[in-house]
Protein backbone atom coordinates (compact mmCIF):
# COMPACT_ATOMS: atom_id res chain seq x y z
CA MET A 1 -10.84 -24.61 -1.34
CA ASN A 2 -12.11 -26.13 -4.61
CA THR A 3 -13.11 -22.71 -5.96
CA GLY A 4 -12.08 -22.42 -9.57
CA LYS A 5 -11.08 -26.05 -10.06
CA SER A 6 -13.98 -26.85 -12.37
CA MET A 7 -12.74 -24.05 -14.62
CA PHE A 8 -9.40 -25.75 -15.04
CA ARG A 9 -11.03 -29.09 -15.94
CA ASN A 10 -12.61 -27.33 -18.94
CA LEU A 11 -9.42 -25.61 -20.00
CA PRO A 12 -8.40 -28.21 -22.65
CA LEU A 13 -11.74 -27.52 -24.45
CA ILE A 14 -11.26 -23.75 -24.16
CA ILE A 15 -7.72 -23.98 -25.49
CA PHE A 16 -8.90 -26.18 -28.35
CA LEU A 17 -11.59 -23.67 -29.35
CA VAL A 18 -9.10 -20.81 -29.27
CA LEU A 19 -6.79 -22.72 -31.55
CA VAL A 20 -9.38 -23.75 -34.14
CA VAL A 21 -11.30 -20.47 -34.41
CA GLY A 22 -9.30 -18.36 -36.83
CA CYS A 23 -9.61 -15.45 -39.16
CA GLY A 24 -10.19 -17.07 -42.57
CA PRO A 25 -7.33 -18.73 -44.35
CA ALA A 26 -4.59 -16.91 -42.42
CA THR A 27 -1.62 -19.05 -41.40
CA PRO A 28 -2.40 -20.55 -37.96
CA ALA A 29 -0.09 -19.75 -35.06
CA PRO A 30 2.15 -22.63 -34.03
CA GLN A 31 0.60 -24.71 -31.25
CA VAL A 32 2.35 -24.48 -27.89
CA LYS A 33 2.98 -27.88 -26.36
CA VAL A 34 3.61 -28.05 -22.60
CA GLU A 35 4.26 -31.17 -20.56
CA VAL A 36 5.06 -31.36 -16.83
CA THR A 37 7.82 -33.92 -16.38
CA LYS A 38 8.67 -33.76 -12.67
CA ILE A 39 7.29 -32.27 -9.43
CA THR A 40 9.78 -32.15 -6.57
CA GLU A 41 8.48 -31.37 -3.07
CA SER A 42 10.74 -29.69 -0.51
CA ASN A 43 9.74 -27.57 2.49
CA LEU A 44 6.39 -27.69 4.28
CA VAL A 45 5.82 -24.20 5.70
CA THR A 46 3.07 -22.65 7.78
CA GLY A 47 1.91 -19.06 7.81
CA GLU A 48 -0.91 -16.84 8.94
CA ILE A 49 -3.38 -14.74 6.94
CA MET A 50 -5.11 -11.87 8.73
CA GLN A 51 -8.62 -10.86 7.72
CA SER A 52 -10.53 -7.84 9.12
CA LYS A 53 -14.21 -6.96 8.69
CA THR A 54 -16.34 -4.25 10.31
CA PHE A 55 -20.05 -4.73 11.04
CA ASN A 56 -22.36 -1.80 11.80
CA GLN A 57 -25.35 -2.69 14.02
CA CYS A 58 -25.68 0.78 15.55
CA ASP A 59 -29.21 1.31 14.19
CA SER A 60 -30.39 -2.27 14.60
CA ALA A 61 -32.46 -3.46 17.57
CA ASN A 62 -31.62 -7.12 16.95
CA PRO A 63 -28.36 -9.05 17.00
CA ILE A 64 -27.24 -10.85 13.86
CA ARG A 65 -25.37 -14.10 13.42
CA LEU A 66 -23.01 -14.42 10.48
CA GLN A 67 -20.59 -16.88 9.00
CA ILE A 68 -17.32 -15.40 7.76
CA GLN A 69 -15.58 -17.49 5.14
CA PHE A 70 -11.96 -17.46 4.24
CA GLY A 71 -11.55 -15.35 1.14
CA ASP A 72 -13.97 -12.60 2.18
CA ASN A 73 -12.02 -9.35 2.04
CA VAL A 74 -8.61 -11.04 1.83
CA SER A 75 -6.15 -9.85 -0.80
CA GLU A 76 -6.01 -11.93 -3.98
CA THR A 77 -2.33 -12.75 -3.49
CA THR A 78 -2.93 -14.50 -0.18
CA GLN A 79 -5.86 -16.45 -1.65
CA GLU A 80 -3.85 -18.06 -4.44
CA GLU A 81 -3.52 -21.80 -4.00
CA LEU A 82 -0.59 -21.98 -6.41
CA VAL A 83 2.18 -19.40 -6.63
CA LEU A 84 4.91 -19.78 -9.24
CA GLY A 85 8.01 -17.72 -8.72
CA ALA A 86 11.75 -17.59 -8.38
CA GLY A 87 14.04 -20.22 -9.77
CA ILE A 88 12.90 -19.99 -13.41
CA THR A 89 15.51 -21.19 -15.89
CA GLY A 90 15.48 -21.31 -19.67
CA GLY A 91 13.03 -18.43 -19.92
CA ALA A 92 12.10 -15.04 -18.46
CA ASP A 93 8.73 -16.14 -17.13
CA VAL A 94 6.16 -18.92 -17.00
CA SER A 95 3.85 -18.57 -19.99
CA GLY A 96 0.07 -18.57 -19.60
CA ILE A 97 -0.30 -21.99 -21.26
CA ALA A 98 2.43 -23.42 -19.02
CA LYS A 99 0.72 -22.04 -15.89
CA LEU A 100 -2.52 -23.78 -16.83
CA GLU A 101 -0.78 -27.09 -17.40
CA ILE A 102 1.18 -26.79 -14.16
CA GLN A 103 -2.02 -25.93 -12.25
CA GLY A 104 -3.75 -29.06 -13.49
CA SER A 105 -0.72 -31.23 -12.72
CA MET A 106 -0.49 -29.76 -9.21
CA GLU A 107 -4.14 -30.51 -8.49
CA LYS A 108 -3.70 -34.09 -9.62
CA HIS A 109 -0.42 -34.50 -7.74
CA PHE A 110 -1.78 -33.26 -4.42
CA SER A 111 -5.33 -34.65 -4.72
CA SER A 112 -4.53 -37.73 -2.63
CA SER A 113 -2.34 -36.01 0.00
CA THR A 114 -3.94 -32.60 0.50
CA ASN A 115 -4.90 -31.83 4.09
CA ILE A 116 -8.59 -31.93 4.98
CA GLY A 117 -8.50 -28.18 5.68
CA ALA A 118 -7.88 -27.43 2.03
CA LEU A 119 -10.80 -29.50 0.76
CA HIS A 120 -13.61 -27.27 1.98
CA GLN A 121 -14.36 -23.60 2.48
CA GLU A 122 -13.13 -22.62 5.95
CA SER A 123 -15.46 -20.41 7.96
CA VAL A 124 -16.11 -19.09 11.46
CA ASP A 125 -19.44 -18.13 13.09
CA ILE A 126 -19.81 -14.76 14.85
CA GLU A 127 -22.59 -12.78 16.50
CA ILE A 128 -22.83 -8.97 16.45
CA PRO A 129 -25.03 -7.55 19.26
CA ALA A 130 -27.68 -4.92 18.62
CA HIS A 131 -26.67 -1.23 18.77
CA THR A 132 -22.96 -1.96 18.30
CA ARG A 133 -20.27 -1.50 15.70
CA GLN A 134 -17.54 -4.12 15.84
CA GLU A 135 -14.38 -4.89 13.95
CA TYR A 136 -13.47 -8.58 13.79
CA THR A 137 -9.90 -9.67 13.12
CA ILE A 138 -9.57 -13.32 12.14
CA ILE A 139 -6.33 -15.25 11.76
CA TRP A 140 -6.26 -18.21 9.40
CA ARG A 141 -3.37 -20.69 9.56
CA GLU A 142 -2.33 -22.05 6.18
CA THR A 143 0.09 -24.83 5.30
CA ARG A 144 1.96 -24.68 2.01
CA ARG A 145 4.22 -27.13 0.24
CA GLU A 146 7.20 -25.63 -1.57
CA GLY A 147 9.24 -27.23 -4.31
CA THR A 148 10.11 -27.11 -8.00
CA VAL A 149 8.37 -28.10 -11.23
CA GLU A 150 10.22 -29.29 -14.30
CA TYR A 151 8.39 -29.04 -17.61
CA THR A 152 9.01 -28.84 -21.33
CA GLU A 153 7.59 -26.10 -23.52
CA ASN A 154 7.91 -26.81 -27.26
CA GLY A 155 10.72 -29.20 -26.45
CA GLU A 156 12.65 -26.76 -24.25
CA THR A 157 13.22 -27.87 -20.65
CA LYS A 158 12.37 -25.30 -17.99
CA THR A 159 12.10 -25.17 -14.22
CA THR A 160 10.16 -22.97 -11.82
CA ALA A 161 9.71 -22.88 -8.07
CA PHE A 162 6.24 -23.32 -6.63
CA SER A 163 4.33 -22.79 -3.40
CA TYR A 164 1.04 -24.70 -3.13
CA ARG A 165 -1.53 -24.48 -0.35
CA VAL A 166 -2.27 -27.92 1.09
CA GLY A 167 -4.02 -26.93 4.32
CA LEU A 168 -6.11 -24.15 5.81
CA GLU A 169 -7.72 -23.81 9.24
CA PHE A 170 -9.09 -21.22 11.63
CA SER A 171 -6.48 -20.03 14.14
CA SER A 172 -7.88 -17.22 16.30
CA SER A 173 -10.14 -14.18 16.31
CA SER A 174 -10.47 -10.92 18.21
CA VAL A 175 -13.10 -8.20 18.30
CA LYS A 176 -12.83 -4.46 18.85
CA ASN A 177 -15.84 -2.32 19.76
CA ILE A 178 -16.15 0.97 17.86
CA ASP A 179 -18.16 3.83 19.33
CA CYS A 180 -21.36 4.30 17.32
CA SER A 181 -20.99 8.06 17.67
CA LEU A 182 -17.85 8.00 15.52
CA PRO A 183 -18.22 8.57 11.76
CA THR A 184 -18.34 5.47 9.60
CA GLU A 185 -15.80 6.96 7.18
CA PRO A 186 -12.44 8.34 8.30
CA PRO A 187 -12.32 12.14 8.26
CA SER A 188 -10.52 13.88 5.43
CA PRO A 189 -6.91 14.70 6.24
CA VAL A 190 -6.36 18.16 7.66
CA LEU A 191 -3.93 20.17 5.58
CA PRO A 192 -1.20 21.90 7.58
CA THR A 193 -1.63 25.62 8.11
CA PRO A 194 1.18 27.64 6.48
CA THR A 195 3.62 28.97 9.06
CA SER A 196 4.85 32.53 8.87
CA ALA A 197 8.55 33.33 9.09
CA SER A 198 8.15 34.79 12.58
CA GLU A 199 6.34 31.69 13.82
CA ALA A 200 8.91 29.39 12.24
CA SER A 201 11.68 31.13 14.15
CA THR A 202 10.07 30.22 17.49
CA PRO A 203 11.97 27.30 19.08
CA GLN A 204 9.95 24.07 19.17
CA SER A 205 9.82 22.02 22.36
CA ILE A 206 11.82 18.79 22.39
CA GLY A 207 9.51 15.80 22.62
CA THR A 208 10.79 12.37 21.54
CA LEU A 209 13.80 10.09 21.79
CA ALA A 210 14.65 11.06 18.21
CA ASP A 211 15.05 14.62 19.54
CA GLY A 212 17.35 13.40 22.31
CA CYS A 213 14.62 13.64 24.95
CA ILE A 214 13.10 11.10 27.33
CA ASN A 215 9.79 12.92 27.58
CA PRO A 216 7.81 12.42 30.81
CA GLN A 217 4.61 12.50 28.73
CA ASN A 218 5.80 9.44 26.80
CA TRP A 219 8.05 7.52 29.19
CA LYS A 220 8.21 6.57 32.86
CA PRO A 221 11.30 5.20 34.67
CA VAL A 222 11.25 2.08 36.86
CA SER A 223 13.91 0.46 39.03
CA THR A 224 14.38 -2.05 41.81
CA ASN A 225 16.31 0.69 43.67
CA GLN A 226 13.68 3.11 44.94
CA ASN A 227 16.27 5.56 46.28
CA ILE A 228 17.74 6.10 42.82
CA LEU A 229 14.27 6.31 41.34
CA ASN A 230 13.28 9.02 43.82
CA ASN A 231 16.19 11.18 42.68
CA ILE A 232 15.35 11.11 38.96
CA SER A 233 14.92 14.70 37.80
CA ILE A 234 13.39 16.56 34.85
CA ASN A 235 15.64 19.13 33.16
CA SER A 236 14.80 22.53 31.70
CA ASN A 237 13.87 20.98 28.33
CA ASN A 238 11.17 18.91 30.05
CA CYS A 239 13.20 15.71 29.60
CA TYR A 240 14.13 13.10 32.20
CA SER A 241 17.75 12.97 33.42
CA MET A 242 18.13 9.23 34.05
CA GLU A 243 21.91 8.82 33.89
CA THR A 244 21.96 7.38 37.43
CA LEU A 245 19.94 4.45 36.07
CA GLY A 246 22.37 4.05 33.17
CA ILE A 247 19.71 5.27 30.73
CA PHE A 248 20.14 8.38 28.56
CA THR A 249 19.86 9.73 25.01
CA ASP A 250 22.27 11.44 22.64
CA PRO A 251 21.73 14.24 20.07
CA GLN A 252 21.49 11.66 17.27
CA GLY A 253 18.35 10.17 18.83
CA ALA A 254 19.76 6.93 20.27
CA LEU A 255 18.60 5.61 23.62
CA HIS A 256 21.58 4.25 25.57
CA LEU A 257 21.67 1.54 28.24
CA TYR A 258 25.13 1.88 29.80
CA LYS A 259 26.37 0.30 33.06
CA MET A 260 29.77 -1.10 33.93
CA ASP A 261 31.20 -3.20 36.77
CA LYS A 262 28.80 -2.31 39.58
CA ARG A 263 29.21 -4.31 42.76
CA ASN A 264 25.52 -5.04 43.26
CA PHE A 265 22.70 -6.49 41.17
CA GLU A 266 20.82 -3.77 39.30
CA ALA A 267 17.59 -3.79 37.32
CA ALA A 268 15.94 -0.74 35.78
CA GLY A 269 14.19 0.46 32.67
CA LEU A 270 11.53 2.71 31.23
CA TYR A 271 8.13 2.15 29.67
CA THR A 272 5.57 3.77 27.36
CA SER A 273 1.91 2.98 26.75
CA ILE A 274 0.48 0.69 24.06
CA GLU A 275 -3.04 1.82 23.28
CA THR A 276 -4.65 -1.23 21.63
CA ASN A 277 -4.41 -5.03 21.38
CA ASN A 278 -3.70 -4.65 17.67
CA SER A 279 -0.48 -2.65 17.57
CA ILE A 280 2.94 -2.70 15.94
CA VAL A 281 6.08 -1.97 17.95
CA GLU A 282 9.38 -1.38 16.13
CA PHE A 283 12.94 -0.59 17.21
CA SER A 284 16.57 -1.21 16.26
CA VAL A 285 19.33 -2.50 18.56
CA TYR A 286 23.13 -2.26 18.40
CA VAL A 287 25.26 -3.86 21.13
CA ASN A 288 28.73 -2.42 21.66
CA SER A 289 29.45 -4.75 24.57
CA MET A 290 27.70 -6.99 27.07
CA TYR A 291 29.45 -9.27 29.59
CA ILE A 292 29.21 -11.07 32.93
CA SER A 293 31.77 -12.24 35.48
CA ASN A 294 29.94 -15.32 36.74
CA SER A 295 28.27 -17.86 34.45
CA ASP A 296 25.74 -18.65 37.19
CA ALA A 297 24.41 -15.09 37.01
CA PRO A 298 23.31 -14.17 33.45
CA ALA A 299 22.55 -10.66 32.18
CA TYR A 300 19.50 -9.55 30.19
CA ILE A 301 18.38 -6.66 28.03
CA THR A 302 14.60 -7.02 27.87
CA PHE A 303 11.98 -5.67 25.48
CA ALA A 304 8.55 -6.60 26.78
CA VAL A 305 4.86 -6.08 26.30
CA ALA A 306 4.01 -5.79 29.96
CA PRO A 307 0.96 -5.01 32.13
CA ALA A 308 0.65 -1.28 32.79
CA SER A 309 0.13 -2.05 36.48
CA ASN A 310 3.53 -3.79 36.80
CA PRO A 311 5.90 -3.00 33.90
CA MET A 312 8.90 -4.84 35.38
CA SER A 313 6.99 -8.05 35.99
CA ALA A 314 8.67 -10.90 34.12
CA LYS A 315 6.07 -13.65 34.47
CA ASP A 316 3.22 -11.33 33.50
CA SER A 317 4.92 -10.10 30.29
CA ALA A 318 5.63 -11.27 26.76
CA ARG A 319 9.40 -10.82 26.45
CA PHE A 320 12.13 -10.67 23.81
CA LYS A 321 15.60 -10.65 25.41
CA PHE A 322 19.28 -10.24 24.63
CA HIS A 323 20.89 -12.79 26.96
CA VAL A 324 24.49 -13.44 28.03
CA GLU A 325 25.32 -16.54 30.08
CA THR A 326 29.02 -17.15 29.34
CA VAL A 327 32.08 -15.39 30.76
CA GLY A 328 34.74 -13.80 28.55
CA ASN A 329 35.42 -11.05 26.07
CA ASP A 330 32.71 -10.61 23.42
CA PRO A 331 30.61 -13.54 24.70
CA ALA A 332 27.77 -15.01 22.68
CA ILE A 333 24.65 -12.85 22.94
CA LEU A 334 21.61 -15.07 22.58
CA PHE A 335 18.05 -14.14 21.63
CA MET A 336 15.33 -15.41 23.96
CA MET A 337 11.53 -15.28 23.93
CA ALA A 338 9.08 -15.82 26.78
CA ASP A 339 5.30 -16.03 27.13
CA VAL A 340 3.19 -14.64 29.91
CA GLY A 341 3.56 -17.20 32.72
CA GLU A 342 7.05 -18.38 31.72
CA ALA A 343 9.82 -17.74 34.25
CA ASN A 344 12.74 -17.70 31.81
CA GLY A 345 11.60 -18.47 28.27
CA ILE A 346 13.40 -20.31 25.48
CA LYS A 347 16.51 -19.56 23.44
CA ILE A 348 16.18 -18.97 19.71
CA MET A 349 18.47 -21.61 18.26
CA THR A 350 18.34 -20.49 14.62
CA GLN A 351 20.32 -17.27 15.15
CA HIS A 352 22.07 -15.09 17.72
CA TYR A 353 23.37 -11.54 17.92
CA GLU A 354 26.44 -10.85 15.79
CA TYR A 355 28.65 -7.99 16.89
CA SER A 356 28.94 -4.88 14.68
CA ARG A 357 25.43 -5.44 13.31
CA THR A 358 22.21 -3.53 13.88
CA TYR A 359 19.13 -5.69 14.40
CA ASN A 360 15.66 -4.43 13.50
CA ILE A 361 12.98 -5.88 15.76
CA ARG A 362 9.23 -5.75 15.23
CA PHE A 363 6.40 -6.90 17.49
CA GLU A 364 3.00 -7.42 15.88
CA LEU A 365 0.23 -7.54 18.48
CA ILE A 366 -2.90 -9.26 17.25
CA GLY A 367 -5.69 -9.81 19.76
CA GLY A 368 -4.18 -11.87 22.57
CA PHE A 369 -0.83 -12.81 21.05
CA MET A 370 2.32 -11.28 19.59
CA ARG A 371 4.49 -12.19 16.61
CA VAL A 372 8.20 -11.35 16.73
CA TYR A 373 10.30 -10.46 13.69
CA ILE A 374 14.12 -10.18 13.63
CA ASN A 375 15.34 -8.32 10.53
CA ASP A 376 11.96 -9.06 8.90
CA ILE A 377 12.21 -12.80 9.58
CA ARG A 378 9.30 -14.03 11.66
CA MET A 379 10.04 -16.31 14.59
CA ASP A 380 8.17 -19.61 14.70
CA GLU A 381 6.60 -19.05 18.10
CA SER A 382 3.87 -16.50 18.82
CA LEU A 383 3.84 -15.13 22.37
CA THR A 384 0.85 -14.70 24.66
CA ILE A 385 0.49 -11.08 25.83
CA PRO A 386 -1.06 -9.80 29.08
CA ASP A 387 -4.70 -8.80 29.34
CA GLY A 388 -5.80 -5.26 30.07
CA SER A 389 -3.75 -2.07 29.70
CA LYS A 390 -0.28 -2.70 28.31
CA VAL A 391 3.06 -0.92 27.95
CA LEU A 392 6.29 -1.37 26.05
CA TYR A 393 9.03 -1.94 28.64
CA ILE A 394 12.75 -1.58 27.84
CA GLY A 395 15.16 -2.48 30.61
CA TYR A 396 18.06 -4.52 31.93
CA ASP A 397 18.97 -7.04 34.62
CA LEU A 398 22.66 -6.92 35.50
CA PRO A 399 24.36 -9.13 38.13
CA PRO A 400 27.39 -7.86 40.09
CA LEU A 401 30.48 -6.95 38.02
CA ALA A 402 28.56 -7.23 34.75
CA GLY A 403 28.34 -4.58 32.06
CA MET A 404 26.44 -3.41 29.00
CA ASP A 405 26.74 -0.74 26.32
CA VAL A 406 23.65 -0.88 24.13
CA GLU A 407 22.10 1.61 21.67
CA ILE A 408 18.41 1.52 20.76
CA THR A 409 17.05 3.63 17.90
CA ASN A 410 13.91 4.20 15.80
CA ILE A 411 11.48 3.27 18.58
CA ARG A 412 7.92 3.47 17.26
CA VAL A 413 4.56 2.32 18.55
CA ASP A 414 1.95 2.24 15.76
CA SER A 415 4.29 4.37 13.61
CA MET A 416 4.47 7.08 16.29
CA ARG A 417 7.90 8.08 17.54
CA LYS A 418 8.27 7.95 21.29
């Protein structure tokens, strides 16, 4: 991580040369004087940087061993050790001279406390077999210190926020095999064929939740009550009629989970396939109501990455849940997360569902784990996902005399509407 530091040690000489080399007797520009007066440290934050590289050994008879270093094929923004940003006062921006002075002060300030991971070039060793094409995805974990810098520029006091990398280490990696028969470059996009007026007048088949259809090609129902499941029908539009499970769509494209005051425990849902270990699942949730009658019997709305062989399995799934455990009108709706192997999971203590708000949820599947985002804020914990074929499961667990009225919209898997 010392790349570029020798350059900054020579900057005073460079600046001096720029100042003294002029154009004859012209009046010299006033010298800019910058002095860092105070560095205040605040939060220590961790994050992840994803790096992908593809290696083509299709025509090679021998395997190769390589060392991938951090910084290979990673965007310049994520490589920056020092980022100066919001919080600037007394000026519109940090000048170039000020940035150089702040950089040098930061290096000196953190030289005695920087984590070992930041003091060398991080790398990971891989081997690509003969006659294969593989895409490696590597996750680096970085630690950054945030804070503020106070400095004077030509006597004027200014302040800027900073984020400075103090640690970097290898986190995880995954590999995807690519068929050697596939082209190395993606095919050119196919332009749509113009449609004649007569063809345009032909009704198009309904196919996704956005069209108000639970399409059997995309979704499959599941339930603990096999009798109800056996009576699920497909209507004339080739869409499931799942009202008996409390699951249906409306013309605006919302998927509804609606059940009220049933005398027995009920659990049901629906699922759709997830094709790869590196996928993005997105959806939005609005809760009109959710309640229980007995605090010893909680209710759940579950969104899970589950094994295709057993979509309703709790312990074999990575789960994000809306959870009610208190009795009363408009009870607190908690967020919960659970790994594969966890019976219940843990409550997210930093936030909970607030009524009359829509929450946008995103799952990012990377290799063997999943990151969860709530309204674009990433949760601290990453969840382990099941091996093998996977599905997105959406369902509920309702104890006796409990109820729910939930709307789910904008469901996408890898940007594809379902």
